């Protein structure tokens, strides 16, 4: 490029910027694994630190080396290289289409479900998954199909299971909403001292809003038990995010076919043991949640 004094102001600025980006990237690489290297666009890296929410089982399956993250909202600021400084645009839905990680079909549901958390925090509006561009969103290990280790409470034996939902970043006390109108078919204890509300939506799927504060649904006029039949509307608050016995906290979302029974829910027959076939009525909520995320941001842009 030549000597420094021979460079134009623009060229000097480019050299300085490149050096700063290399320093940032190098520092991020050396940080603890809790730090995240995210991307505004694939060619423009930025450091990403721990997101809200904590999952004690997040490290059961180590994150592969070299994953590239795009944790920006679907509607974002245009890069300088586009010549559209200061403007907002939304990535085409096809760019954000999830790559299935299991043989389980994606849940259909409504076209514009409501994001199931009351929040304005972009970190709490993320879905953990890989898109068709090969970029990851959210955080590895919180996606559908991740491997988890569990312990049998009766025998103490450990076994591996498959994560049958998606964990959304959330803090204890965050308000949980129904993504669609429908009926609450059950409100029950769920996992490690938390509870779950199961909603049969008018679109024909069952949504499990899990790891909520046990009994918090009563504050929103919903009883405990099964076969409740309580009518709810899209976006209606139904519970609050809880904290597990081990301190982890999130909103865990699962989806099932409409004919799943409350007996199957209560008896734990919806768990997927690694090496076995998935539960027959299990559906993958990833695409459903990506649609809810997009609907949220598009409503803000309108």
C-alpha atoms as a PDB file:
ATOM      1  CA  UNK A   1       0.000   0.000   0.000  1.00  0.00           C
ATOM      2  CA  UNK A   2       2.994   2.315   0.402  1.00  0.00           C
ATOM      3  CA  UNK A   3       4.351   4.485   3.214  1.00  0.00           C
ATOM      4  CA  UNK A   4       1.949   5.932   5.832  1.00  0.00           C
ATOM      5  CA  UNK A   5       2.613   9.563   4.844  1.00  0.00           C
ATOM      6  CA  UNK A   6       1.738   8.752   1.236  1.00  0.00           C
ATOM      7  CA  UNK A   7      -1.723   7.430   2.112  1.00  0.00           C
ATOM      8  CA  UNK A   8      -4.863   9.501   1.739  1.00  0.00           C
ATOM      9  CA  UNK A   9      -7.079  10.261   4.739  1.00  0.00           C
ATOM     10  CA  UNK A  10      -9.548   7.615   3.562  1.00  0.00           C
ATOM     11  CA  UNK A  11      -6.819   4.984   3.215  1.00  0.00           C
ATOM     12  CA  UNK A  12      -5.438   5.788   6.672  1.00  0.00           C
ATOM     13  CA  UNK A  13      -8.918   5.438   8.188  1.00  0.00           C
ATOM     14  CA  UNK A  14      -9.333   2.056   6.498  1.00  0.00           C
ATOM     15  CA  UNK A  15      -6.029   0.806   7.917  1.00  0.00           C
ATOM     16  CA  UNK A  16      -6.945   1.970  11.435  1.00  0.00           C
ATOM     17  CA  UNK A  17     -10.379   0.365  11.233  1.00  0.00           C
ATOM     18  CA  UNK A  18      -8.919  -2.933  10.000  1.00  0.00           C
ATOM     19  CA  UNK A  19      -6.435  -2.960  12.880  1.00  0.00           C
ATOM     20  CA  UNK A  20      -9.161  -2.286  15.423  1.00  0.00           C
ATOM     21  CA  UNK A  21     -11.313  -5.096  14.051  1.00  0.00           C
ATOM     22  CA  UNK A  22      -8.390  -7.529  14.175  1.00  0.00           C
ATOM     23  CA  UNK A  23      -7.658  -6.540  17.772  1.00  0.00           C
ATOM     24  CA  UNK A  24     -11.289  -6.991  18.771  1.00  0.00           C
ATOM     25  CA  UNK A  25     -11.524 -10.369  17.069  1.00  0.00           C
ATOM     26  CA  UNK A  26      -8.271 -11.514  18.676  1.00  0.00           C
ATOM     27  CA  UNK A  27      -9.419 -10.429  22.122  1.00  0.00           C
ATOM     28  CA  UNK A  28     -12.727 -12.210  21.698  1.00  0.00           C
ATOM     29  CA  UNK A  29     -10.982 -15.440  20.700  1.00  0.00           C
ATOM     30  CA  UNK A  30      -8.952 -15.379  23.908  1.00  0.00           C
ATOM     31  CA  UNK A  31     -11.921 -14.669  26.175  1.00  0.00           C
ATOM     32  CA  UNK A  32     -13.756 -17.276  28.181  1.00  0.00           C
ATOM     33  CA  UNK A  33     -16.120 -19.482  26.200  1.00  0.00           C
ATOM     34  CA  UNK A  34     -19.002 -17.567  27.727  1.00  0.00           C
ATOM     35  CA  UNK A  35     -18.185 -14.714  25.376  1.00  0.00           C
ATOM     36  CA  UNK A  36     -19.913 -14.824  22.026  1.00  0.00           C
ATOM     37  CA  UNK A  37     -18.643 -13.583  18.671  1.00  0.00           C
ATOM     38  CA  UNK A  38     -21.757 -12.395  16.863  1.00  0.00           C
ATOM     39  CA  UNK A  39     -22.252 -10.816  13.495  1.00  0.00           C
ATOM     40  CA  UNK A  40     -24.113  -7.750  12.337  1.00  0.00           C
ATOM     41  CA  UNK A  41     -23.453  -9.162   8.888  1.00  0.00           C
ATOM     42  CA  UNK A  42     -21.217 -12.096   8.015  1.00  0.00           C
ATOM     43  CA  UNK A  43     -18.366  -9.733   7.094  1.00  0.00           C
ATOM     44  CA  UNK A  44     -18.618  -7.488  10.174  1.00  0.00           C
ATOM     45  CA  UNK A  45     -17.815  -9.228  13.489  1.00  0.00           C
ATOM     46  CA  UNK A  46     -18.664  -8.018  16.958  1.00  0.00           C
ATOM     47  CA  UNK A  47     -18.210  -9.420  20.469  1.00  0.00           C
ATOM     48  CA  UNK A  48     -21.244 -11.019  22.055  1.00  0.00           C
ATOM     49  CA  UNK A  49     -21.293 -11.662  25.809  1.00  0.00           C
ATOM     50  CA  UNK A  50     -23.567 -13.918  27.858  1.00  0.00           C
ATOM     51  CA  UNK A  51     -27.213 -13.510  27.064  1.00  0.00           C
ATOM     52  CA  UNK A  52     -29.893 -13.390  29.769  1.00  0.00           C
ATOM     53  CA  UNK A  53     -30.997 -16.724  31.084  1.00  0.00           C
ATOM     54  CA  UNK A  54     -28.935 -19.607  32.410  1.00  0.00           C
ATOM     55  CA  UNK A  55     -29.181 -23.280  31.544  1.00  0.00           C
ATOM     56  CA  UNK A  56     -27.243 -25.741  33.698  1.00  0.00           C
ATOM     57  CA  UNK A  57     -27.469 -28.355  30.943  1.00  0.00           C
ATOM     58  CA  UNK A  58     -26.179 -26.073  28.215  1.00  0.00           C
ATOM     59  CA  UNK A  59     -22.721 -27.705  28.151  1.00  0.00           C
ATOM     60  CA  UNK A  60     -23.851 -31.335  27.916  1.00  0.00           C
ATOM     61  CA  UNK A  61     -22.954 -31.296  24.221  1.00  0.00           C
ATOM     62  CA  UNK A  62     -19.817 -29.205  23.543  1.00  0.00           C
ATOM     63  CA  UNK A  63     -20.198 -26.461  20.966  1.00  0.00           C
ATOM     64  CA  UNK A  64     -18.355 -27.313  17.743  1.00  0.00           C
ATOM     65  CA  UNK A  65     -15.424 -25.101  16.875  1.00  0.00           C
ATOM     66  CA  UNK A  66     -15.886 -22.438  14.249  1.00  0.00           C
ATOM     67  CA  UNK A  67     -19.613 -21.726  14.527  1.00  0.00           C
ATOM     68  CA  UNK A  68     -20.517 -18.316  13.125  1.00  0.00           C
ATOM     69  CA  UNK A  69     -23.340 -16.419  14.824  1.00  0.00           C
ATOM     70  CA  UNK A  70     -25.780 -13.862  13.474  1.00  0.00           C
ATOM     71  CA  UNK A  71     -27.621 -12.604  16.539  1.00  0.00           C
ATOM     72  CA  UNK A  72     -28.979  -9.409  15.034  1.00  0.00           C
ATOM     73  CA  UNK A  73     -32.753  -8.971  14.651  1.00  0.00           C
ATOM     74  CA  UNK A  74     -34.268  -9.916  11.271  1.00  0.00           C
ATOM     75  CA  UNK A  75     -34.966  -6.200  10.724  1.00  0.00           C
ATOM     76  CA  UNK A  76     -31.698  -4.316  11.074  1.00  0.00           C
ATOM     77  CA  UNK A  77     -29.644  -1.318   9.980  1.00  0.00           C
ATOM     78  CA  UNK A  78     -28.243  -1.492   6.473  1.00  0.00           C
ATOM     79  CA  UNK A  79     -24.419  -1.707   6.312  1.00  0.00           C
ATOM     80  CA  UNK A  80     -22.389   1.198   4.962  1.00  0.00           C
ATOM     81  CA  UNK A  81     -21.367  -0.890   1.959  1.00  0.00           C
ATOM     82  CA  UNK A  82     -25.006  -0.937   0.844  1.00  0.00           C
ATOM     83  CA  UNK A  83     -25.050   2.847   0.532  1.00  0.00           C
ATOM     84  CA  UNK A  84     -28.171   2.959   2.715  1.00  0.00           C
ATOM     85  CA  UNK A  85     -26.802   4.473   5.907  1.00  0.00           C
ATOM     86  CA  UNK A  86     -29.421   5.073   8.566  1.00  0.00           C
ATOM     87  CA  UNK A  87     -32.077   2.911   6.928  1.00  0.00           C
ATOM     88  CA  UNK A  88     -33.642  -0.316   8.194  1.00  0.00           C
ATOM     89  CA  UNK A  89     -34.389  -3.413   6.176  1.00  0.00           C
ATOM     90  CA  UNK A  90     -35.581  -6.950   6.947  1.00  0.00           C
ATOM     91  CA  UNK A  91     -33.756 -10.045   5.739  1.00  0.00           C
ATOM     92  CA  UNK A  92     -35.893 -12.194   3.432  1.00  0.00           C
ATOM     93  CA  UNK A  93     -37.601 -15.038   5.353  1.00  0.00           C
ATOM     94  CA  UNK A  94     -35.854 -17.524   3.061  1.00  0.00           C
ATOM     95  CA  UNK A  95     -32.470 -16.404   4.481  1.00  0.00           C
ATOM     96  CA  UNK A  96     -33.593 -17.201   8.022  1.00  0.00           C
ATOM     97  CA  UNK A  97     -35.238 -20.544   7.285  1.00  0.00           C
ATOM     98  CA  UNK A  98     -34.145 -23.100   9.942  1.00  0.00           C
ATOM     99  CA  UNK A  99     -32.156 -26.201   9.083  1.00  0.00           C
ATOM    100  CA  UNK A 100     -33.853 -29.216  10.743  1.00  0.00           C
ATOM    101  CA  UNK A 101     -31.611 -30.936  13.285  1.00  0.00           C
ATOM    102  CA  UNK A 102     -33.778 -34.031  13.739  1.00  0.00           C
ATOM    103  CA  UNK A 103     -36.249 -36.120  11.749  1.00  0.00           C
ATOM    104  CA  UNK A 104     -39.154 -34.386  13.517  1.00  0.00           C
ATOM    105  CA  UNK A 105     -41.400 -32.227  11.311  1.00  0.00           C
ATOM    106  CA  UNK A 106     -41.683 -28.509  11.933  1.00  0.00           C
ATOM    107  CA  UNK A 107     -44.842 -27.366  13.700  1.00  0.00           C
ATOM    108  CA  UNK A 108     -47.225 -25.432  11.463  1.00  0.00           C
ATOM    109  CA  UNK A 109     -49.522 -23.355  13.624  1.00  0.00           C
ATOM    110  CA  UNK A 110     -50.630 -19.832  12.769  1.00  0.00           C
ATOM    111  CA  UNK A 111     -48.795 -17.660  10.268  1.00  0.00           C
ATOM    112  CA  UNK A 112     -48.104 -14.834  12.735  1.00  0.00           C
ATOM    113  CA  UNK A 113     -47.856 -16.238  16.272  1.00  0.00           C
ATOM    114  CA  UNK A 114     -47.186 -13.849  19.139  1.00  0.00           C
ATOM    115  CA  UNK A 115     -43.740 -13.876  20.707  1.00  0.00           C
ATOM    116  CA  UNK A 116     -44.382 -15.717  24.014  1.00  0.00           C
ATOM    117  CA  UNK A 117     -42.452 -13.315  26.280  1.00  0.00           C
ATOM    118  CA  UNK A 118     -43.283  -9.756  27.294  1.00  0.00           C
ATOM    119  CA  UNK A 119     -40.004  -7.996  26.462  1.00  0.00           C
ATOM    120  CA  UNK A 120     -38.332  -5.242  24.490  1.00  0.00           C
ATOM    121  CA  UNK A 121     -34.890  -6.806  24.954  1.00  0.00           C
ATOM    122  CA  UNK A 122     -33.415  -8.032  21.666  1.00  0.00           C
ATOM    123  CA  UNK A 123     -31.486 -10.739  23.543  1.00  0.00           C
ATOM    124  CA  UNK A 124     -34.784 -12.206  24.784  1.00  0.00           C
ATOM    125  CA  UNK A 125     -36.145 -12.200  21.245  1.00  0.00           C
ATOM    126  CA  UNK A 126     -33.725 -14.810  19.913  1.00  0.00           C
ATOM    127  CA  UNK A 127     -34.322 -18.350  18.720  1.00  0.00           C
ATOM    128  CA  UNK A 128     -31.432 -20.808  18.981  1.00  0.00           C
ATOM    129  CA  UNK A 129     -30.994 -22.559  15.627  1.00  0.00           C
ATOM    130  CA  UNK A 130     -28.933 -22.807  12.426  1.00  0.00           C
ATOM    131  CA  UNK A 131     -30.287 -21.097   9.316  1.00  0.00           C
ATOM    132  CA  UNK A 132     -29.906 -22.124   5.668  1.00  0.00           C
ATOM    133  CA  UNK A 133     -26.949 -19.741   5.274  1.00  0.00           C
ATOM    134  CA  UNK A 134     -25.027 -21.835   7.814  1.00  0.00           C
ATOM    135  CA  UNK A 135     -25.200 -19.112  10.490  1.00  0.00           C
ATOM    136  CA  UNK A 136     -26.256 -19.841  14.058  1.00  0.00           C
ATOM    137  CA  UNK A 137     -28.594 -17.774  16.180  1.00  0.00           C
ATOM    138  CA  UNK A 138     -29.029 -17.601  19.946  1.00  0.00           C
ATOM    139  CA  UNK A 139     -26.716 -20.113  21.554  1.00  0.00           C
ATOM    140  CA  UNK A 140     -25.571 -23.636  20.796  1.00  0.00           C
ATOM    141  CA  UNK A 141     -27.125 -26.299  23.013  1.00  0.00           C
ATOM    142  CA  UNK A 142     -30.474 -24.549  23.446  1.00  0.00           C
ATOM    143  CA  UNK A 143     -31.757 -25.724  20.070  1.00  0.00           C
ATOM    144  CA  UNK A 144     -34.160 -28.532  19.197  1.00  0.00           C
ATOM    145  CA  UNK A 145     -32.271 -31.825  18.982  1.00  0.00           C
ATOM    146  CA  UNK A 146     -29.398 -30.947  21.325  1.00  0.00           C
ATOM    147  CA  UNK A 147     -28.131 -33.862  23.411  1.00  0.00           C
ATOM    148  CA  UNK A 148     -28.775 -33.660  27.152  1.00  0.00           C
ATOM    149  CA  UNK A 149     -27.668 -35.810  30.092  1.00  0.00           C
ATOM    150  CA  UNK A 150     -30.239 -36.751  32.724  1.00  0.00           C
ATOM    151  CA  UNK A 151     -30.290 -38.785  35.919  1.00  0.00           C
ATOM    152  CA  UNK A 152     -33.005 -41.270  36.798  1.00  0.00           C
ATOM    153  CA  UNK A 153     -34.405 -40.080  40.165  1.00  0.00           C
ATOM    154  CA  UNK A 154     -35.135 -43.654  41.271  1.00  0.00           C
ATOM    155  CA  UNK A 155     -31.928 -45.466  40.304  1.00  0.00           C
ATOM    156  CA  UNK A 156     -29.421 -42.619  40.039  1.00  0.00           C
ATOM    157  CA  UNK A 157     -28.348 -43.912  36.616  1.00  0.00           C
ATOM    158  CA  UNK A 158     -27.465 -41.340  33.973  1.00  0.00           C
ATOM    159  CA  UNK A 159     -28.741 -41.474  30.424  1.00  0.00           C
ATOM    160  CA  UNK A 160     -28.760 -39.271  27.344  1.00  0.00           C
ATOM    161  CA  UNK A 161     -31.898 -37.696  25.964  1.00  0.00           C
ATOM    162  CA  UNK A 162     -32.702 -35.427  23.050  1.00  0.00           C
ATOM    163  CA  UNK A 163     -33.839 -31.861  23.696  1.00  0.00           C
ATOM    164  CA  UNK A 164     -37.426 -31.752  22.405  1.00  0.00           C
ATOM    165  CA  UNK A 165     -37.885 -27.984  22.429  1.00  0.00           C
ATOM    166  CA  UNK A 166     -36.152 -24.628  22.150  1.00  0.00           C
ATOM    167  CA  UNK A 167     -34.979 -22.640  25.181  1.00  0.00           C
ATOM    168  CA  UNK A 168     -35.643 -18.902  24.976  1.00  0.00           C
ATOM    169  CA  UNK A 169     -33.514 -16.490  26.971  1.00  0.00           C
ATOM    170  CA  UNK A 170     -35.524 -15.167  29.913  1.00  0.00           C
ATOM    171  CA  UNK A 171     -35.220 -14.096  33.523  1.00  0.00           C
ATOM    172  CA  UNK A 172     -37.313 -15.179  36.494  1.00  0.00           C
ATOM    173  CA  UNK A 173     -40.523 -13.195  36.686  1.00  0.00           C
ATOM    174  CA  UNK A 174     -40.738 -12.399  32.966  1.00  0.00           C
ATOM    175  CA  UNK A 175     -44.357 -12.576  31.832  1.00  0.00           C
ATOM    176  CA  UNK A 176     -45.244 -15.480  29.504  1.00  0.00           C
ATOM    177  CA  UNK A 177     -47.959 -15.075  26.860  1.00  0.00           C
ATOM    178  CA  UNK A 178     -49.918 -17.464  24.652  1.00  0.00           C
ATOM    179  CA  UNK A 179     -48.616 -17.375  21.054  1.00  0.00           C
ATOM    180  CA  UNK A 180     -52.104 -18.030  19.662  1.00  0.00           C
ATOM    181  CA  UNK A 181     -55.709 -18.159  20.752  1.00  0.00           C
ATOM    182  CA  UNK A 182     -56.913 -21.518  22.033  1.00  0.00           C
ATOM    183  CA  UNK A 183     -57.643 -23.488  25.194  1.00  0.00           C
ATOM    184  CA  UNK A 184     -55.435 -24.324  28.153  1.00  0.00           C
ATOM    185  CA  UNK A 185     -55.608 -28.119  28.424  1.00  0.00           C
ATOM    186  CA  UNK A 186     -53.199 -28.518  31.348  1.00  0.00           C
ATOM    187  CA  UNK A 187     -51.160 -26.578  33.911  1.00  0.00           C
ATOM    188  CA  UNK A 188     -48.825 -28.948  35.720  1.00  0.00           C
ATOM    189  CA  UNK A 189     -45.474 -29.424  37.462  1.00  0.00           C
ATOM    190  CA  UNK A 190     -42.841 -29.805  34.760  1.00  0.00           C
ATOM    191  CA  UNK A 191     -39.124 -30.060  35.511  1.00  0.00           C
ATOM    192  CA  UNK A 192     -36.774 -29.362  38.419  1.00  0.00           C
ATOM    193  CA  UNK A 193     -39.334 -27.478  40.467  1.00  0.00           C
ATOM    194  CA  UNK A 194     -40.881 -25.519  37.593  1.00  0.00           C
ATOM    195  CA  UNK A 195     -44.240 -25.799  35.869  1.00  0.00           C
ATOM    196  CA  UNK A 196     -45.749 -25.761  32.386  1.00  0.00           C
ATOM    197  CA  UNK A 197     -48.910 -24.520  30.709  1.00  0.00           C
ATOM    198  CA  UNK A 198     -50.138 -26.503  27.694  1.00  0.00           C
ATOM    199  CA  UNK A 199     -52.256 -24.633  25.127  1.00  0.00           C
ATOM    200  CA  UNK A 200     -54.223 -26.299  22.331  1.00  0.00           C
ATOM    201  CA  UNK A 201     -54.225 -23.555  19.700  1.00  0.00           C
ATOM    202  CA  UNK A 202     -57.030 -22.853  17.262  1.00  0.00           C
ATOM    203  CA  UNK A 203     -54.522 -23.591  14.476  1.00  0.00           C
ATOM    204  CA  UNK A 204     -54.255 -27.203  15.634  1.00  0.00           C
ATOM    205  CA  UNK A 205     -51.055 -27.655  17.637  1.00  0.00           C
ATOM    206  CA  UNK A 206     -50.312 -27.989  21.343  1.00  0.00           C
ATOM    207  CA  UNK A 207     -47.742 -25.536  22.706  1.00  0.00           C
ATOM    208  CA  UNK A 208     -45.934 -26.312  25.963  1.00  0.00           C
ATOM    209  CA  UNK A 209     -44.784 -23.135  27.709  1.00  0.00           C
ATOM    210  CA  UNK A 210     -42.375 -24.770  30.130  1.00  0.00           C
ATOM    211  CA  UNK A 211     -40.032 -23.924  33.017  1.00  0.00           C
ATOM    212  CA  UNK A 212     -42.410 -21.289  34.330  1.00  0.00           C
ATOM    213  CA  UNK A 213     -42.855 -20.499  38.022  1.00  0.00           C
ATOM    214  CA  UNK A 214     -44.886 -23.306  39.535  1.00  0.00           C
ATOM    215  CA  UNK A 215     -48.443 -22.122  40.117  1.00  0.00           C
ATOM    216  CA  UNK A 216     -47.825 -18.664  38.628  1.00  0.00           C
ATOM    217  CA  UNK A 217     -50.669 -19.325  36.190  1.00  0.00           C
ATOM    218  CA  UNK A 218     -53.121 -18.848  39.067  1.00  0.00           C
ATOM    219  CA  UNK A 219     -52.214 -15.140  39.112  1.00  0.00           C
ATOM    220  CA  UNK A 220     -53.649 -14.977  35.589  1.00  0.00           C
ATOM    221  CA  UNK A 221     -56.899 -16.790  36.284  1.00  0.00           C
ATOM    222  CA  UNK A 222     -55.837 -20.289  35.216  1.00  0.00           C
ATOM    223  CA  UNK A 223     -56.402 -23.296  37.453  1.00  0.00           C
ATOM    224  CA  UNK A 224     -54.086 -26.250  38.016  1.00  0.00           C
ATOM    225  CA  UNK A 225     -54.564 -29.738  36.620  1.00  0.00           C
ATOM    226  CA  UNK A 226     -55.710 -31.200  33.320  1.00  0.00           C
ATOM    227  CA  UNK A 227     -58.670 -30.870  30.961  1.00  0.00           C
ATOM    228  CA  UNK A 228     -59.100 -27.267  32.059  1.00  0.00           C
ATOM    229  CA  UNK A 229     -60.665 -25.861  28.887  1.00  0.00           C
ATOM    230  CA  UNK A 230     -59.820 -22.284  29.870  1.00  0.00           C
ATOM    231  CA  UNK A 231     -60.146 -20.054  26.815  1.00  0.00           C
ATOM    232  CA  UNK A 232     -57.179 -17.777  26.084  1.00  0.00           C
ATOM    233  CA  UNK A 233     -56.447 -15.225  23.382  1.00  0.00           C
ATOM    234  CA  UNK A 234     -53.251 -14.658  21.405  1.00  0.00           C
ATOM    235  CA  UNK A 235     -50.885 -12.525  23.461  1.00  0.00           C
ATOM    236  CA  UNK A 236     -52.728 -13.146  26.726  1.00  0.00           C
ATOM    237  CA  UNK A 237     -50.448 -13.368  29.813  1.00  0.00           C
ATOM    238  CA  UNK A 238     -50.714 -16.798  31.439  1.00  0.00           C
ATOM    239  CA  UNK A 239     -47.673 -17.238  33.713  1.00  0.00           C
ATOM    240  CA  UNK A 240     -44.226 -16.010  34.724  1.00  0.00           C
ATOM    241  CA  UNK A 241     -40.797 -17.507  34.014  1.00  0.00           C
ATOM    242  CA  UNK A 242     -39.506 -19.570  36.922  1.00  0.00           C
ATOM    243  CA  UNK A 243     -36.162 -20.749  38.253  1.00  0.00           C
ATOM    244  CA  UNK A 244     -35.197 -24.425  38.379  1.00  0.00           C
ATOM    245  CA  UNK A 245     -33.889 -26.129  41.494  1.00  0.00           C
ATOM    246  CA  UNK A 246     -30.356 -25.746  40.109  1.00  0.00           C
ATOM    247  CA  UNK A 247     -30.798 -22.023  39.411  1.00  0.00           C
ATOM    248  CA  UNK A 248     -31.319 -22.206  35.656  1.00  0.00           C
ATOM    249  CA  UNK A 249     -33.996 -20.015  34.087  1.00  0.00           C
ATOM    250  CA  UNK A 250     -35.482 -19.741  30.609  1.00  0.00           C
ATOM    251  CA  UNK A 251     -38.749 -20.227  28.741  1.00  0.00           C
ATOM    252  CA  UNK A 252     -38.741 -23.743  27.313  1.00  0.00           C
ATOM    253  CA  UNK A 253     -41.082 -24.141  24.314  1.00  0.00           C
ATOM    254  CA  UNK A 254     -42.276 -27.470  22.903  1.00  0.00           C
ATOM    255  CA  UNK A 255     -44.914 -28.207  20.258  1.00  0.00           C
ATOM    256  CA  UNK A 256     -47.039 -31.312  19.692  1.00  0.00           C
ATOM    257  CA  UNK A 257     -49.807 -32.568  17.439  1.00  0.00           C
ATOM    258  CA  UNK A 258     -53.334 -31.611  18.479  1.00  0.00           C
ATOM    259  CA  UNK A 259     -54.226 -35.175  19.543  1.00  0.00           C
ATOM    260  CA  UNK A 260     -51.594 -35.411  22.285  1.00  0.00           C
ATOM    261  CA  UNK A 261     -53.327 -36.472  25.501  1.00  0.00           C
ATOM    262  CA  UNK A 262     -53.050 -35.150  29.026  1.00  0.00           C
ATOM    263  CA  UNK A 263     -52.185 -38.689  30.138  1.00  0.00           C
ATOM    264  CA  UNK A 264     -49.158 -38.659  27.841  1.00  0.00           C
ATOM    265  CA  UNK A 265     -48.183 -35.301  29.325  1.00  0.00           C
ATOM    266  CA  UNK A 266     -48.594 -36.381  32.961  1.00  0.00           C
ATOM    267  CA  UNK A 267     -46.886 -39.756  32.559  1.00  0.00           C
ATOM    268  CA  UNK A 268     -43.748 -38.359  30.942  1.00  0.00           C
ATOM    269  CA  UNK A 269     -44.270 -40.311  27.719  1.00  0.00           C
ATOM    270  CA  UNK A 270     -43.183 -37.321  25.630  1.00  0.00           C
ATOM    271  CA  UNK A 271     -39.511 -37.622  26.600  1.00  0.00           C
ATOM    272  CA  UNK A 272     -37.103 -38.610  23.814  1.00  0.00           C
ATOM    273  CA  UNK A 273     -34.356 -41.015  24.896  1.00  0.00           C
ATOM    274  CA  UNK A 274     -31.272 -40.823  22.672  1.00  0.00           C
ATOM    275  CA  UNK A 275     -31.128 -43.773  20.280  1.00  0.00           C
ATOM    276  CA  UNK A 276     -34.896 -44.258  20.292  1.00  0.00           C
ATOM    277  CA  UNK A 277     -37.443 -42.943  17.822  1.00  0.00           C
ATOM    278  CA  UNK A 278     -38.891 -39.538  18.719  1.00  0.00           C
ATOM    279  CA  UNK A 279     -42.344 -39.390  20.342  1.00  0.00           C
ATOM    280  CA  UNK A 280     -44.874 -39.825  17.534  1.00  0.00           C
ATOM    281  CA  UNK A 281     -46.729 -36.590  18.301  1.00  0.00           C
ATOM    282  CA  UNK A 282     -43.674 -34.401  18.760  1.00  0.00           C
ATOM    283  CA  UNK A 283     -43.212 -31.367  16.472  1.00  0.00           C
ATOM    284  CA  UNK A 284     -40.213 -29.044  16.083  1.00  0.00           C
ATOM    285  CA  UNK A 285     -41.085 -25.502  17.310  1.00  0.00           C
ATOM    286  CA  UNK A 286     -38.114 -23.769  15.664  1.00  0.00           C
ATOM    287  CA  UNK A 287     -39.790 -22.452  12.504  1.00  0.00           C
ATOM    288  CA  UNK A 288     -42.874 -21.476  14.525  1.00  0.00           C
ATOM    289  CA  UNK A 289     -40.734 -19.376  16.879  1.00  0.00           C
ATOM    290  CA  UNK A 290     -38.784 -17.800  14.010  1.00  0.00           C
ATOM    291  CA  UNK A 291     -42.126 -16.692  12.542  1.00  0.00           C
ATOM    292  CA  UNK A 292     -43.138 -15.252  15.916  1.00  0.00           C
ATOM    293  CA  UNK A 293     -39.842 -13.378  16.150  1.00  0.00           C
ATOM    294  CA  UNK A 294     -40.295 -11.895  12.685  1.00  0.00           C
ATOM    295  CA  UNK A 295     -43.914 -10.929  13.377  1.00  0.00           C
ATOM    296  CA  UNK A 296     -42.750  -9.078  16.494  1.00  0.00           C
ATOM    297  CA  UNK A 297     -40.148  -7.017  14.631  1.00  0.00           C
ATOM    298  CA  UNK A 298     -42.400  -6.338  11.667  1.00  0.00           C
ATOM    299  CA  UNK A 299     -45.061  -5.007  14.032  1.00  0.00           C
ATOM    300  CA  UNK A 300     -42.466  -2.620  15.472  1.00  0.00           C
ATOM    301  CA  UNK A 301     -41.521  -1.427  11.988  1.00  0.00           C
ATOM    302  CA  UNK A 302     -45.144  -0.807  10.976  1.00  0.00           C
END
